[in-house]
Amino acid sequence: MVKQFEVLHKELHTANQKLNSIRCYMEMPVPRNELEPAILAVLDDPEHDGI
């Protein structure tokens, strides 16, 4: 049970980091053609820990 909690906690932490990175990209003056690849790279990275 503890191991399941640890796995879930790690997954939630990674998802939160991804969301924060995407928010950051959305607030930056990034050209649209560069924004999509940056966001997709964040989503595709299983160990993303922020930008």
N, C-alpha and C. Protein backbone atom coordinates (compact mmCIF):
# COMPACT_ATOMS: atom_id res chain seq x y z
N MET A 1 0.82 -1.19 0.00
CA MET A 1 0.00 0.00 0.00
C MET A 1 0.86 1.26 0.00
N VAL A 2 1.93 1.26 0.81
CA VAL A 2 2.82 2.42 0.87
C VAL A 2 3.49 2.63 -0.47
N LYS A 3 3.90 1.55 -1.12
CA LYS A 3 4.56 1.64 -2.41
C LYS A 3 3.61 2.26 -3.45
N GLN A 4 2.34 1.86 -3.43
CA GLN A 4 1.36 2.44 -4.35
C GLN A 4 1.23 3.94 -4.11
N PHE A 5 1.22 4.34 -2.86
CA PHE A 5 1.13 5.76 -2.54
C PHE A 5 2.35 6.51 -3.08
N GLU A 6 3.54 5.92 -2.91
CA GLU A 6 4.76 6.56 -3.40
C GLU A 6 4.73 6.73 -4.91
N VAL A 7 4.27 5.71 -5.61
CA VAL A 7 4.18 5.78 -7.07
C VAL A 7 3.17 6.86 -7.48
N LEU A 8 2.02 6.85 -6.85
CA LEU A 8 1.00 7.85 -7.16
C LEU A 8 1.50 9.26 -6.85
N HIS A 9 2.18 9.41 -5.73
CA HIS A 9 2.72 10.72 -5.36
C HIS A 9 3.71 11.22 -6.40
N LYS A 10 4.58 10.32 -6.87
CA LYS A 10 5.56 10.70 -7.89
C LYS A 10 4.86 11.08 -9.20
N GLU A 11 3.85 10.32 -9.59
CA GLU A 11 3.11 10.63 -10.82
C GLU A 11 2.41 11.98 -10.71
N LEU A 12 1.81 12.25 -9.56
CA LEU A 12 1.13 13.54 -9.37
C LEU A 12 2.12 14.69 -9.37
N HIS A 13 3.27 14.48 -8.76
CA HIS A 13 4.30 15.51 -8.74
C HIS A 13 4.78 15.82 -10.16
N THR A 14 5.03 14.78 -10.94
CA THR A 14 5.47 14.97 -12.33
C THR A 14 4.41 15.68 -13.14
N ALA A 15 3.15 15.29 -12.97
CA ALA A 15 2.06 15.94 -13.70
C ALA A 15 1.96 17.41 -13.32
N ASN A 16 2.14 17.72 -12.05
CA ASN A 16 2.09 19.11 -11.59
C ASN A 16 3.24 19.91 -12.18
N GLN A 17 4.43 19.33 -12.23
CA GLN A 17 5.58 20.01 -12.83
C GLN A 17 5.34 20.28 -14.31
N LYS A 18 4.76 19.31 -15.00
CA LYS A 18 4.44 19.49 -16.42
C LYS A 18 3.45 20.63 -16.60
N LEU A 19 2.42 20.65 -15.79
CA LEU A 19 1.41 21.70 -15.88
C LEU A 19 2.02 23.07 -15.61
N ASN A 20 2.88 23.17 -14.60
CA ASN A 20 3.55 24.43 -14.31
C ASN A 20 4.43 24.88 -15.47
N SER A 21 5.12 23.95 -16.10
CA SER A 21 5.97 24.29 -17.24
C SER A 21 5.13 24.78 -18.41
N ILE A 22 4.02 24.11 -18.66
CA ILE A 22 3.14 24.52 -19.76
C ILE A 22 2.59 25.91 -19.47
N ARG A 23 2.19 26.18 -18.24
CA ARG A 23 1.72 27.53 -17.88
C ARG A 23 2.79 28.57 -18.14
N CYS A 24 4.02 28.23 -17.78
CA CYS A 24 5.14 29.15 -17.98
C CYS A 24 5.32 29.44 -19.47
N TYR A 25 5.31 28.40 -20.29
CA TYR A 25 5.43 28.60 -21.74
C TYR A 25 4.30 29.47 -22.28
N MET A 26 3.09 29.27 -21.78
CA MET A 26 1.94 30.03 -22.26
C MET A 26 2.06 31.52 -21.90
N GLU A 27 2.76 31.82 -20.81
CA GLU A 27 2.91 33.21 -20.40
C GLU A 27 4.09 33.90 -21.09
N MET A 28 4.99 33.12 -21.66
CA MET A 28 6.15 33.69 -22.36
C MET A 28 5.74 34.18 -23.74
N PRO A 29 6.45 35.20 -24.22
CA PRO A 29 6.18 35.65 -25.59
C PRO A 29 6.87 34.73 -26.61
N VAL A 30 6.39 33.49 -26.68
CA VAL A 30 6.97 32.49 -27.58
C VAL A 30 6.13 32.43 -28.85
N PRO A 31 6.79 32.46 -30.02
CA PRO A 31 6.01 32.33 -31.27
C PRO A 31 5.23 31.02 -31.29
N ARG A 32 4.06 31.08 -31.86
CA ARG A 32 3.15 29.92 -31.89
C ARG A 32 3.82 28.68 -32.46
N ASN A 33 4.63 28.86 -33.51
CA ASN A 33 5.26 27.69 -34.15
C ASN A 33 6.31 27.05 -33.24
N GLU A 34 6.78 27.74 -32.21
CA GLU A 34 7.73 27.17 -31.25
C GLU A 34 7.03 26.67 -29.99
N LEU A 35 5.85 27.19 -29.74
CA LEU A 35 5.12 26.84 -28.52
C LEU A 35 4.66 25.38 -28.53
N GLU A 36 4.07 24.96 -29.62
CA GLU A 36 3.54 23.60 -29.70
C GLU A 36 4.63 22.54 -29.49
N PRO A 37 5.79 22.61 -30.19
CA PRO A 37 6.82 21.61 -29.95
C PRO A 37 7.35 21.62 -28.50
N ALA A 38 7.42 22.80 -27.90
CA ALA A 38 7.90 22.89 -26.52
C ALA A 38 6.92 22.20 -25.56
N ILE A 39 5.64 22.43 -25.75
CA ILE A 39 4.63 21.81 -24.90
C ILE A 39 4.60 20.30 -25.11
N LEU A 40 4.70 19.86 -26.35
CA LEU A 40 4.71 18.42 -26.63
C LEU A 40 5.93 17.74 -26.02
N ALA A 41 7.07 18.43 -26.02
CA ALA A 41 8.27 17.87 -25.41
C ALA A 41 8.08 17.69 -23.91
N VAL A 42 7.42 18.65 -23.28
CA VAL A 42 7.13 18.54 -21.85
C VAL A 42 6.22 17.35 -21.58
N LEU A 43 5.18 17.21 -22.38
CA LEU A 43 4.22 16.13 -22.17
C LEU A 43 4.85 14.76 -22.43
N ASP A 44 5.78 14.68 -23.38
CA ASP A 44 6.39 13.40 -23.74
C ASP A 44 7.48 12.96 -22.77
N ASP A 45 7.97 13.87 -21.93
CA ASP A 45 9.08 13.55 -21.04
C ASP A 45 8.54 12.91 -19.76
N PRO A 46 8.77 11.59 -19.56
CA PRO A 46 8.21 10.93 -18.37
C PRO A 46 8.84 11.38 -17.05
N GLU A 47 10.01 11.97 -17.11
CA GLU A 47 10.71 12.40 -15.88
C GLU A 47 10.82 13.93 -15.79
N HIS A 48 9.91 14.63 -16.44
CA HIS A 48 9.99 16.09 -16.48
C HIS A 48 9.96 16.67 -15.07
N ASP A 49 10.91 17.57 -14.79
CA ASP A 49 10.98 18.16 -13.45
C ASP A 49 10.98 19.69 -13.48
N GLY A 50 10.45 20.25 -14.53
CA GLY A 50 10.32 21.70 -14.62
C GLY A 50 11.29 22.30 -15.62
N ILE A 51 10.98 23.54 -16.01
CA ILE A 51 11.86 24.24 -16.95
C ILE A 51 12.71 25.24 -16.22
